[in-house]
Structures are given as structure tokens and as C-alpha cells.
Amino acid sequence: MTDTRPRRFDLIAFDWDGTLYDSTRLIARCIQAAVVDVGGARPSESDAAWVIGLGLAEALARAAPDVPKEKYAELGHRYRFHFLQHQDDLVLFDGVLEMLDALRARGHKLAVATGKSRRGLDEALSTVALRDRFDASRTADETFGKPHPRMLLELMEELETPADRTLMIGDTTHDLQLAINAGCAGVGVSYGAHAPDSFDALAPLHVAHSVAGLSQWLAANA
């Protein structure tokens, strides 16, 4: 049966790590290892996870406040070293492909707004054969990082979609603040980097506790 309900959102933008891709714990561990490599105090896993979603340079600086600025380049190199050792271990959360296909079938435009680098995102998209499922994407190294609204504003402009027809979905407060800053609605997911109670002050439309739950909410409300 054809779904004849009107769309509330024409454009749905997804964060990548921790929202579509099951990578939060690995990223946190790579941050921890990189900080130790350059002589910093090992951040807790929760502190390392909190910075996920920011641009890499800002994330590493916040995770390693005791590391001097002259070591930031080395810190970034060490993070990439550890991440590349395990990048093939990363997998999509169960149900992501089916959710994306259902949204495309309903005529939604789909985008990625991520703190990853362009190279990192392109490698991930190629690895899991996702490129043709997204209409556009923005990464932190080609525009401003979250929660600055630029990446989402650029996606809306490219895909000719106004803010009131755009939805941002992510697993961190950075994603939800990005949505607010861009004048868009936001939905949080609780299975990624940030605890769901941290979303309360940002008033998302919904907080999903699984990809299945997110898919159901989108089918009923997007």
C-alpha cells in the first residue's frame, strides 16, 4: 500500500559516528591511546566519548587539556594511527540500510553532517557501499565544525530545503545544538556517545533508543 501521508520534513540529515555507524567506543579508545602516546593524562572513556562529533582538532584538544598546543599535530597523527588499525572493524548499526531505503522510498532527501574528515567519510561510504543512498554530505574539515550551523546551512542550500523542512538526527548534544543553531528540528539517539539525559535542555522532538525505534518514529512523524 502506498503511504499517502504528507511529509513533515523534506531533508533528513544524519550524524555519522554513533548514529549510523557503530564506532563510538572505538573512537573513544583511539582518543585515549593518542593522548597517552604524546604524554598526556589518559582521559576517561566518558570524557573521550563526549568530544565525538566535534572537529578532530577541537575534539583532541578538549580531551587532552594537559597536552601543549605544539603537540596537537602529533596528537592528531597518533589518533589516526590507532583508528586506521581498526577502521575495518566498524559496522553500521543493525537496520540502518533498511531505514535509509524506506526514507528514500518516501521521497526524503538524505544527507550526512559529520565531524569526520572528508577523507574519512568517503572511505566509510565506499566501504559500506552507501554513497548512492545520500544526496549530499558535509564534513568538519571542509566547513565549520559542530555546533556551528554552517555545515547544515550549506546542506539546506545545496538541496534547496528550508530550515522548517529539515531534520537533524544525532547522538550528541553537539548535533542537537547544531540543529538549533541552524533553525532546524532535532532528534537524538541514546545508543551513541552522549547520555540521553544530556539532551533534555535542547528539547529534541524525540529521543530514540535503537535504530528500530528511530525508524518507527520517522515513519510515523517525519
Foldseek 3Di string as FASTA:
>chain_A
DDDPDDAQAQEEEEEDDFTFKPCQQVLLVLLQVLCVVQPFDRADSLLLLQLFQWAPLVSSCSRGVPRDPVCSVSSSVSSVVSCVVCVVVMDTAPPNVVLLVVCVVVNHAYEYEGNDDPVVVVVVCVVVVNVVSHPYYDYCVVDPTFLQQVRVVVVCVVVVHQQSNYEYEEAHVRRLSNNVNRNHAYEHECRGNDHPVVCVVSDHPYYHDGVVRVSVCSVVPD
